[in-house]
C-alpha atoms as a PDB file:
ATOM      1  CA  MET A   1     -23.769 -32.581 -20.459  1.00  0.00           C
ATOM      2  CA  THR A   2     -22.478 -29.368 -20.689  1.00  0.00           C
ATOM      3  CA  ARG A   3     -18.597 -28.952 -21.987  1.00  0.00           C
ATOM      4  CA  ILE A   4     -17.176 -25.694 -21.489  1.00  0.00           C
ATOM      5  CA  ASN A   5     -14.907 -23.496 -23.462  1.00  0.00           C
ATOM      6  CA  HIS A   6     -12.797 -20.934 -21.818  1.00  0.00           C
ATOM      7  CA  LYS A   7     -13.555 -18.141 -24.014  1.00  0.00           C
ATOM      8  CA  PHE A   8     -16.161 -17.692 -21.033  1.00  0.00           C
ATOM      9  CA  THR A   9     -13.691 -17.818 -18.158  1.00  0.00           C
ATOM     10  CA  ARG A  10     -14.028 -14.830 -16.377  1.00  0.00           C
ATOM     11  CA  ILE A  11     -11.135 -14.116 -13.771  1.00  0.00           C
ATOM     12  CA  TYR A  12     -11.183 -10.985 -10.690  1.00  0.00           C
ATOM     13  CA  ALA A  13      -9.250 -10.695  -8.185  1.00  0.00           C
ATOM     14  CA  ASN A  14      -9.358  -8.125  -5.705  1.00  0.00           C
ATOM     15  CA  GLY A  15     -11.886  -5.873  -6.827  1.00  0.00           C
ATOM     16  CA  TYR A  16     -10.318  -6.031 -10.512  1.00  0.00           C
ATOM     17  CA  ASP A  17     -11.480  -7.508 -13.736  1.00  0.00           C
ATOM     18  CA  ILE A  18      -8.439  -9.267 -15.194  1.00  0.00           C
ATOM     19  CA  GLY A  19      -9.658 -11.400 -17.384  1.00  0.00           C
ATOM     20  CA  GLY A  20      -9.233  -8.921 -20.590  1.00  0.00           C
ATOM     21  CA  ALA A  21      -5.744  -9.245 -20.313  1.00  0.00           C
ATOM     22  CA  VAL A  22      -5.422 -13.306 -19.195  1.00  0.00           C
ATOM     23  CA  ASN A  23      -5.114 -15.706 -21.939  1.00  0.00           C
ATOM     24  CA  SER A  24      -4.644 -18.913 -19.910  1.00  0.00           C
ATOM     25  CA  ILE A  25      -4.802 -20.547 -16.841  1.00  0.00           C
ATOM     26  CA  GLY A  26      -3.258 -23.431 -14.665  1.00  0.00           C
ATOM     27  CA  SER A  27      -5.201 -25.667 -12.819  1.00  0.00           C
ATOM     28  CA  VAL A  28      -7.418 -24.297 -10.543  1.00  0.00           C
ATOM     29  CA  GLY A  29      -8.753 -26.704  -6.958  1.00  0.00           C
ATOM     30  CA  ALA A  30      -7.047 -28.532  -3.622  1.00  0.00           C
ATOM     31  CA  ILE A  31      -4.623 -31.335  -3.692  1.00  0.00           C
ATOM     32  CA  LEU A  32      -4.957 -33.551  -0.327  1.00  0.00           C
ATOM     33  CA  ASP A  33      -2.348 -34.484   1.722  1.00  0.00           C
ATOM     34  CA  ALA A  34      -2.207 -38.177   1.631  1.00  0.00           C
ATOM     35  CA  PRO A  35       0.482 -39.407   3.859  1.00  0.00           C
ATOM     36  CA  LYS A  36       0.984 -43.569   3.628  1.00  0.00           C
ATOM     37  CA  VAL A  37       0.667 -45.001   6.803  1.00  0.00           C
ATOM     38  CA  ALA A  38       0.339 -48.789   8.712  1.00  0.00           C
ATOM     39  CA  ALA A  39       0.840 -50.633  11.685  1.00  0.00           C
ATOM     40  CA  PHE A  40       2.340 -53.350  12.918  1.00  0.00           C
ATOM     41  CA  THR A  41       0.097 -55.830  11.698  1.00  0.00           C
ATOM     42  CA  ASP A  42      -1.810 -54.096   9.000  1.00  0.00           C
ATOM     43  CA  ALA A  43      -0.936 -55.992   5.206  1.00  0.00           C
ATOM     44  CA  VAL A  44      -1.291 -52.966   3.025  1.00  0.00           C
ATOM     45  CA  MET A  45      -0.361 -49.493   3.577  1.00  0.00           C
ATOM     46  CA  ASN A  46      -3.415 -47.105   4.431  1.00  0.00           C
ATOM     47  CA  THR A  47      -4.364 -43.667   3.487  1.00  0.00           C
ATOM     48  CA  VAL A  48      -5.268 -41.273   5.501  1.00  0.00           C
ATOM     49  CA  MET A  49      -6.411 -38.387   4.163  1.00  0.00           C
ATOM     50  CA  GLY A  50      -4.943 -34.636   5.379  1.00  0.00           C
ATOM     51  CA  ARG A  51      -5.019 -31.066   4.622  1.00  0.00           C
ATOM     52  CA  ALA A  52      -6.000 -29.567   1.258  1.00  0.00           C
ATOM     53  CA  ASP A  53      -3.070 -27.451  -0.763  1.00  0.00           C
ATOM     54  CA  ILE A  54      -5.253 -24.896  -2.763  1.00  0.00           C
ATOM     55  CA  GLN A  55      -3.863 -24.464  -5.878  1.00  0.00           C
ATOM     56  CA  CYS A  56      -4.190 -21.583  -8.394  1.00  0.00           C
ATOM     57  CA  GLY A  57      -2.590 -21.218 -11.701  1.00  0.00           C
ATOM     58  CA  PRO A  58      -0.101 -19.696 -13.195  1.00  0.00           C
ATOM     59  CA  ILE A  59      -2.050 -17.547 -14.613  1.00  0.00           C
ATOM     60  CA  ASN A  60      -1.121 -16.385 -18.008  1.00  0.00           C
ATOM     61  CA  ALA A  61      -1.647 -12.970 -19.661  1.00  0.00           C
ATOM     62  CA  PHE A  62      -0.495 -10.088 -21.540  1.00  0.00           C
ATOM     63  CA  LEU A  63       1.468  -7.509 -20.280  1.00  0.00           C
ATOM     64  CA  GLN A  64      -0.928  -4.624 -20.034  1.00  0.00           C
ATOM     65  CA  ALA A  65       0.721  -1.662 -18.430  1.00  0.00           C
ATOM     66  CA  GLY A  66      -2.326   1.307 -17.692  1.00  0.00           C
ATOM     67  CA  ALA A  67      -2.656   2.610 -14.279  1.00  0.00           C
ATOM     68  CA  THR A  68      -5.401   0.294 -14.103  1.00  0.00           C
ATOM     69  CA  ASP A  69      -4.567  -2.942 -15.739  1.00  0.00           C
ATOM     70  CA  ILE A  70      -2.743  -5.857 -14.235  1.00  0.00           C
ATOM     71  CA  HIS A  71       0.922  -4.654 -14.597  1.00  0.00           C
ATOM     72  CA  GLU A  72       0.388  -2.151 -12.259  1.00  0.00           C
ATOM     73  CA  ARG A  73      -1.914  -4.008  -9.900  1.00  0.00           C
ATOM     74  CA  MET A  74       0.532  -7.257 -10.023  1.00  0.00           C
ATOM     75  CA  LYS A  75       3.990  -6.135 -10.637  1.00  0.00           C
ATOM     76  CA  SER A  76       5.011  -6.313  -7.317  1.00  0.00           C
ATOM     77  CA  GLY A  77       4.584 -10.303  -7.548  1.00  0.00           C
ATOM     78  CA  GLN A  78       3.704 -10.113  -3.736  1.00  0.00           C
ATOM     79  CA  GLY A  79       0.701  -9.846  -1.556  1.00  0.00           C
ATOM     80  CA  THR A  80      -2.275 -11.477  -0.933  1.00  0.00           C
ATOM     81  CA  TYR A  81      -4.969 -11.521  -3.559  1.00  0.00           C
ATOM     82  CA  ASP A  82      -9.217 -13.000  -3.585  1.00  0.00           C
ATOM     83  CA  VAL A  83      -8.963 -14.388  -6.320  1.00  0.00           C
ATOM     84  CA  MET A  84     -12.155 -15.319  -7.899  1.00  0.00           C
ATOM     85  CA  ILE A  85     -12.368 -17.512 -11.319  1.00  0.00           C
ATOM     86  CA  CYS A  86     -15.967 -18.132 -12.972  1.00  0.00           C
ATOM     87  CA  PHE A  87     -16.703 -20.457 -15.630  1.00  0.00           C
ATOM     88  CA  GLY A  88     -19.641 -19.634 -18.172  1.00  0.00           C
ATOM     89  CA  THR A  89     -20.792 -22.554 -20.003  1.00  0.00           C
ATOM     90  CA  SER A  90     -22.128 -20.900 -23.012  1.00  0.00           C
ATOM     91  CA  GLY A  91     -21.717 -17.558 -22.961  1.00  0.00           C
ATOM     92  CA  GLU A  92     -20.673 -15.076 -19.997  1.00  0.00           C
ATOM     93  CA  PRO A  93     -20.855 -16.620 -16.469  1.00  0.00           C
ATOM     94  CA  ALA A  94     -24.358 -16.338 -15.188  1.00  0.00           C
ATOM     95  CA  ILE A  95     -26.024 -17.524 -11.908  1.00  0.00           C
ATOM     96  CA  GLY A  96     -25.431 -20.567 -10.907  1.00  0.00           C
ATOM     97  CA  GLN A  97     -22.427 -21.400 -12.709  1.00  0.00           C
ATOM     98  CA  PRO A  98     -19.126 -22.810 -11.268  1.00  0.00           C
ATOM     99  CA  VAL A  99     -16.544 -20.403  -9.589  1.00  0.00           C
ATOM    100  CA  PHE A 100     -13.441 -21.286  -7.786  1.00  0.00           C
ATOM    101  CA  ALA A 101     -12.255 -18.748  -5.005  1.00  0.00           C
ATOM    102  CA  ALA A 102      -9.681 -18.217  -2.699  1.00  0.00           C
ATOM    103  CA  LYS A 103      -7.151 -16.187  -1.077  1.00  0.00           C
ATOM    104  CA  MET A 104      -3.885 -16.416  -2.350  1.00  0.00           C
ATOM    105  CA  GLU A 105      -0.200 -15.569  -1.613  1.00  0.00           C
ATOM    106  CA  HIS A 106       1.333 -14.303  -4.888  1.00  0.00           C
ATOM    107  CA  GLY A 107       5.003 -15.007  -5.089  1.00  0.00           C
ATOM    108  CA  GLU A 108       5.828 -14.696  -8.619  1.00  0.00           C
ATOM    109  CA  TYR A 109       5.690 -11.744 -11.656  1.00  0.00           C
ATOM    110  CA  MET A 110       7.850 -12.605 -14.936  1.00  0.00           C
ATOM    111  CA  ALA A 111       7.460 -10.873 -18.089  1.00  0.00           C
ATOM    112  CA  ASP A 112       8.464 -12.600 -21.157  1.00  0.00           C
ATOM    113  CA  GLY A 113       8.270 -11.123 -25.079  1.00  0.00           C
ATOM    114  CA  SER A 114      10.089 -14.838 -26.422  1.00  0.00           C
ATOM    115  CA  GLY A 115       6.579 -15.724 -27.967  1.00  0.00           C
ATOM    116  CA  GLY A 116       6.952 -12.335 -30.077  1.00  0.00           C
ATOM    117  CA  VAL A 117       4.242 -10.802 -27.813  1.00  0.00           C
ATOM    118  CA  VAL A 118       4.862  -9.653 -24.087  1.00  0.00           C
ATOM    119  CA  GLY A 119       3.403 -11.546 -21.756  1.00  0.00           C
ATOM    120  CA  VAL A 120       3.581 -12.243 -18.242  1.00  0.00           C
ATOM    121  CA  ASN A 121       3.636 -14.886 -15.359  1.00  0.00           C
ATOM    122  CA  LEU A 122       2.040 -14.757 -12.125  1.00  0.00           C
ATOM    123  CA  SER A 123       2.452 -17.418  -9.901  1.00  0.00           C
ATOM    124  CA  PHE A 124       0.466 -18.572  -6.391  1.00  0.00           C
ATOM    125  CA  PRO A 125       2.416 -20.742  -4.714  1.00  0.00           C
ATOM    126  CA  GLY A 126      -0.212 -21.407  -1.818  1.00  0.00           C
ATOM    127  CA  ALA A 127      -3.083 -20.110  -0.073  1.00  0.00           C
ATOM    128  CA  SER A 128      -3.029 -17.145   2.126  1.00  0.00           C
ATOM    129  CA  TYR A 129      -2.438 -17.435   6.032  1.00  0.00           C
ATOM    130  CA  ALA A 130      -5.219 -15.106   6.069  1.00  0.00           C
ATOM    131  CA  SER A 131      -7.805 -17.783   4.273  1.00  0.00           C
ATOM    132  CA  PRO A 132     -10.917 -18.468   5.771  1.00  0.00           C
ATOM    133  CA  LYS A 133     -10.355 -21.612   8.460  1.00  0.00           C
ATOM    134  CA  GLY A 134     -11.952 -24.772   8.161  1.00  0.00           C
ATOM    135  CA  TYR A 135     -12.509 -25.043   4.701  1.00  0.00           C
ATOM    136  CA  GLU A 136     -10.815 -27.378   1.972  1.00  0.00           C
ATOM    137  CA  ASN A 137     -13.153 -27.131  -1.132  1.00  0.00           C
ATOM    138  CA  PRO A 138     -12.181 -23.997  -3.241  1.00  0.00           C
ATOM    139  CA  PHE A 139     -15.395 -24.415  -5.385  1.00  0.00           C
ATOM    140  CA  GLY A 140     -18.908 -22.974  -5.187  1.00  0.00           C
ATOM    141  CA  LEU A 141     -21.679 -21.067  -7.374  1.00  0.00           C
ATOM    142  CA  LEU A 142     -22.103 -17.668  -8.760  1.00  0.00           C
ATOM    143  CA  VAL A 143     -24.726 -15.942  -7.155  1.00  0.00           C
ATOM    144  CA  HIS A 144     -24.765 -12.528  -8.569  1.00  0.00           C
ATOM    145  CA  ASN A 145     -22.721 -12.350 -12.019  1.00  0.00           C
ATOM    146  CA  LYS A 146     -21.034  -8.859 -12.683  1.00  0.00           C
ATOM    147  CA  VAL A 147     -23.615  -6.387 -13.618  1.00  0.00           C
ATOM    148  CA  ALA A 148     -24.783  -3.169 -12.139  1.00  0.00           C
ATOM    149  CA  ALA A 149     -27.296  -2.915  -9.370  1.00  0.00           C
ATOM    150  CA  THR A 150     -28.978   0.052  -8.234  1.00  0.00           C
ATOM    151  CA  ALA A 151     -31.150  -1.625  -5.339  1.00  0.00           C
ATOM    152  CA  ALA A 152     -32.019  -4.142  -2.461  1.00  0.00           C
ATOM    153  CA  ASN A 153     -33.433  -7.495  -4.383  1.00  0.00           C
ATOM    154  CA  THR A 154     -36.897  -9.095  -3.881  1.00  0.00           C
ATOM    155  CA  GLY A 155     -36.773 -11.668  -6.144  1.00  0.00           C
ATOM    156  CA  LEU A 156     -36.769 -15.185  -5.719  1.00  0.00           C
ATOM    157  CA  ALA A 157     -33.769 -17.336  -5.236  1.00  0.00           C
ATOM    158  CA  THR A 158     -30.918 -17.269  -7.162  1.00  0.00           C
ATOM    159  CA  ILE A 159     -29.530 -20.604  -6.287  1.00  0.00           C
ATOM    160  CA  ASP A 160     -31.282 -23.901  -4.625  1.00  0.00           C
ATOM    161  CA  ASN A 161     -29.324 -25.783  -3.074  1.00  0.00           C
ATOM    162  CA  GLY A 162     -31.599 -29.320  -3.170  1.00  0.00           C
ATOM    163  CA  ALA A 163     -31.430 -29.529   0.512  1.00  0.00           C
ATOM    164  CA  ALA A 164     -30.551 -27.441   3.794  1.00  0.00           C
ATOM    165  CA  SER A 165     -27.136 -28.303   5.365  1.00  0.00           C
ATOM    166  CA  ALA A 166     -25.395 -27.269   8.590  1.00  0.00           C
ATOM    167  CA  LYS A 167     -21.646 -27.489   7.452  1.00  0.00           C
ATOM    168  CA  GLY A 168     -21.199 -23.107   6.869  1.00  0.00           C
ATOM    169  CA  GLY A 169     -19.775 -22.230   3.832  1.00  0.00           C
ATOM    170  CA  ILE A 170     -18.061 -18.807   2.562  1.00  0.00           C
ATOM    171  CA  PHE A 171     -19.680 -15.423   1.171  1.00  0.00           C
ATOM    172  CA  ILE A 172     -17.373 -14.502  -1.842  1.00  0.00           C
ATOM    173  CA  TYR A 173     -17.408 -10.552  -3.174  1.00  0.00           C
ATOM    174  CA  GLN A 174     -15.729  -8.348  -5.499  1.00  0.00           C
ATOM    175  CA  LEU A 175     -17.129  -4.925  -5.725  1.00  0.00           C
ATOM    176  CA  PHE A 176     -15.762  -3.301  -8.633  1.00  0.00           C
ATOM    177  CA  SER A 177     -16.928   0.190  -8.543  1.00  0.00           C
ATOM    178  CA  SER A 178     -19.703   2.097  -6.595  1.00  0.00           C
ATOM    179  CA  THR A 179     -21.002   5.413  -6.276  1.00  0.00           C
ATOM    180  CA  GLY A 180     -22.058   5.427  -2.890  1.00  0.00           C
ATOM    181  CA  ALA A 181     -21.952   3.310   0.623  1.00  0.00           C
ATOM    182  CA  VAL A 182     -22.615  -0.712   0.066  1.00  0.00           C
ATOM    183  CA  THR A 183     -23.170  -3.508   1.495  1.00  0.00           C
ATOM    184  CA  LEU A 184     -23.033  -7.113  -0.081  1.00  0.00           C
ATOM    185  CA  SER A 185     -24.585 -10.473   1.413  1.00  0.00           C
ATOM    186  CA  ILE A 186     -26.343 -13.211   0.770  1.00  0.00           C
ATOM    187  CA  ASP A 187     -30.625 -13.792   2.022  1.00  0.00           C
ATOM    188  CA  ASP A 188     -31.327 -17.469   2.621  1.00  0.00           C
ATOM    189  CA  ALA A 189     -34.801 -19.441   2.575  1.00  0.00           C
ATOM    190  CA  ALA A 190     -36.549 -22.378   3.475  1.00  0.00           C
ATOM    191  CA  ASP A 191     -38.911 -22.067   0.823  1.00  0.00           C
ATOM    192  CA  ASN A 192     -38.978 -19.930  -2.416  1.00  0.00           C
ATOM    193  CA  ASP A 193     -42.591 -18.912  -2.646  1.00  0.00           C
ATOM    194  CA  VAL A 194     -42.289 -15.029  -1.750  1.00  0.00           C
ATOM    195  CA  ASP A 195     -40.002 -12.232  -0.976  1.00  0.00           C
ATOM    196  CA  GLY A 196     -40.938 -12.251   2.349  1.00  0.00           C
ATOM    197  CA  ASP A 197     -39.500 -15.911   2.769  1.00  0.00           C
ATOM    198  CA  PHE A 198     -35.817 -14.716   2.789  1.00  0.00           C
ATOM    199  CA  SER A 199     -33.989 -13.151   5.633  1.00  0.00           C
ATOM    200  CA  ALA A 200     -30.055 -12.798   5.853  1.00  0.00           C
ATOM    201  CA  LEU A 201     -27.563 -15.146   6.293  1.00  0.00           C
ATOM    202  CA  SER A 202     -26.204 -14.990   9.462  1.00  0.00           C
ATOM    203  CA  GLY A 203     -22.358 -13.751   9.082  1.00  0.00           C
ATOM    204  CA  ALA A 204     -22.753 -13.786   5.170  1.00  0.00           C
ATOM    205  CA  THR A 205     -21.756  -9.744   4.646  1.00  0.00           C
ATOM    206  CA  SER A 206     -19.189  -7.469   3.660  1.00  0.00           C
ATOM    207  CA  GLY A 207     -20.178  -5.001   6.296  1.00  0.00           C
ATOM    208  CA  SER A 208     -20.539  -1.455   5.046  1.00  0.00           C
ATOM    209  CA  ILE A 209     -17.950  -0.147   2.191  1.00  0.00           C
ATOM    210  CA  THR A 210     -17.585   2.882   1.254  1.00  0.00           C
ATOM    211  CA  ALA A 211     -17.542   4.495  -2.654  1.00  0.00           C
ATOM    212  CA  ALA A 212     -13.697   5.646  -1.913  1.00  0.00           C
ATOM    213  CA  VAL A 213     -12.768   1.963  -0.618  1.00  0.00           C
ATOM    214  CA  SER A 214     -13.897   0.536  -3.866  1.00  0.00           C
ATOM    215  CA  PRO A 215     -12.818  -1.611  -5.751  1.00  0.00           C
ATOM    216  CA  LYS A 216     -12.832  -4.249  -2.807  1.00  0.00           C
ATOM    217  CA  SER A 217     -12.659  -7.758  -2.249  1.00  0.00           C
ATOM    218  CA  GLY A 218     -13.613 -10.170   0.728  1.00  0.00           C
ATOM    219  CA  MET A 219     -13.884 -13.668   1.641  1.00  0.00           C
ATOM    220  CA  VAL A 220     -15.866 -14.254   4.767  1.00  0.00           C
ATOM    221  CA  ALA A 221     -16.167 -17.747   6.366  1.00  0.00           C
ATOM    222  CA  LEU A 222     -19.125 -18.234   8.261  1.00  0.00           C
ATOM    223  CA  ALA A 223     -18.748 -20.718  11.590  1.00  0.00           C
ATOM    224  CA  THR A 224     -18.148 -24.336   9.982  1.00  0.00           C
ATOM    225  CA  ASP A 225     -21.613 -25.590  11.826  1.00  0.00           C
ATOM    226  CA  ALA A 226     -23.695 -22.515  10.326  1.00  0.00           C
ATOM    227  CA  THR A 227     -26.960 -23.713   9.096  1.00  0.00           C
ATOM    228  CA  VAL A 228     -27.584 -22.645   5.184  1.00  0.00           C
ATOM    229  CA  ARG A 229     -31.113 -23.038   4.397  1.00  0.00           C
ATOM    230  CA  GLN A 230     -32.244 -24.528   0.653  1.00  0.00           C
ATOM    231  CA  TYR A 231     -32.287 -21.357  -1.346  1.00  0.00           C
ATOM    232  CA  LEU A 232     -29.850 -18.257  -1.451  1.00  0.00           C
ATOM    233  CA  ARG A 233     -30.178 -15.118  -3.167  1.00  0.00           C
ATOM    234  CA  TRP A 234     -27.545 -11.842  -3.315  1.00  0.00           C
ATOM    235  CA  GLN A 235     -28.492  -8.982  -1.129  1.00  0.00           C
ATOM    236  CA  LEU A 236     -27.684  -5.324  -1.478  1.00  0.00           C
ATOM    237  CA  SER A 237     -27.724  -2.433   0.651  1.00  0.00           C
ATOM    238  CA  ILE A 238     -26.983   1.394  -1.369  1.00  0.00           C
ATOM    239  CA  ALA A 239     -28.075   4.394  -0.154  1.00  0.00           C
ATOM    240  CA  SER A 240     -28.014   5.716  -3.442  1.00  0.00           C
ATOM    241  CA  GLY A 241     -26.275   5.655  -6.797  1.00  0.00           C
ATOM    242  CA  THR A 242     -25.327   2.289  -8.141  1.00  0.00           C
ATOM    243  CA  CYS A 243     -22.722  -0.782  -7.786  1.00  0.00           C
ATOM    244  CA  THR A 244     -20.750  -3.352  -9.954  1.00  0.00           C
ATOM    245  CA  PHE A 245     -19.918  -6.487  -7.850  1.00  0.00           C
ATOM    246  CA  ALA A 246     -19.876 -10.425  -8.368  1.00  0.00           C
ATOM    247  CA  SER A 247     -20.816 -12.824  -5.384  1.00  0.00           C
ATOM    248  CA  ALA A 248     -20.640 -16.402  -4.910  1.00  0.00           C
ATOM    249  CA  PHE A 249     -21.210 -18.529  -1.926  1.00  0.00           C
ATOM    250  CA  ILE A 250     -19.102 -21.609  -1.301  1.00  0.00           C
ATOM    251  CA  ARG A 251     -21.329 -24.667   0.160  1.00  0.00           C
ATOM    252  CA  GLY A 252     -19.131 -26.508   3.488  1.00  0.00           C
ATOM    253  CA  THR A 253     -18.959 -30.107   2.595  1.00  0.00           C
END
């Protein structure tokens, strides 16, 4: 059994790595609506599970006020954020390790210096109206950790799901920087023997992103009945140059 120390947690939002400012996070996950109901003839109350309420945070951080730091990026206390939290198990988050990802509405930004060091509290009261529809699970696996890449992936799978499924999923990406136009995506395969086993997972793509608009992030939902084969790997199309990104996949449940 692996126990996770929070020092290896990394937090990304809208294509920015804000983990260098964050010192703690609240609970992240989903709480299911569970109304209690009963028919006249039922001897006990019944619980009927309903919609999921995605929870994220609060996120507590140091107030860092550089042009690209957390204060300038999030001081408005509002807006929609693609939040991606990667949980490294014994070091920097690695491929195959757990990820929380959700499109959240930012609702509060409060600075506080009462503890001697000026900090900020970021509150996300709920998932955005623009969230991917049809999915209630915000946890997946890291498919590409935050490192630079310069060419297409011809390696074997980075994720083994154990079996294929037909419940779709969500492709998550955080593009931190790029020197050229880039497309981020996911490949899947039924076998994991050679590069030729893999092909693009339909719909799991960022589309072409020009260097001028990075940083950029997104959450791309597949159809909830889409087939996802057993093996997954990250994929990249870049004409020239280099890009730094992280990507993940949440399999439909």
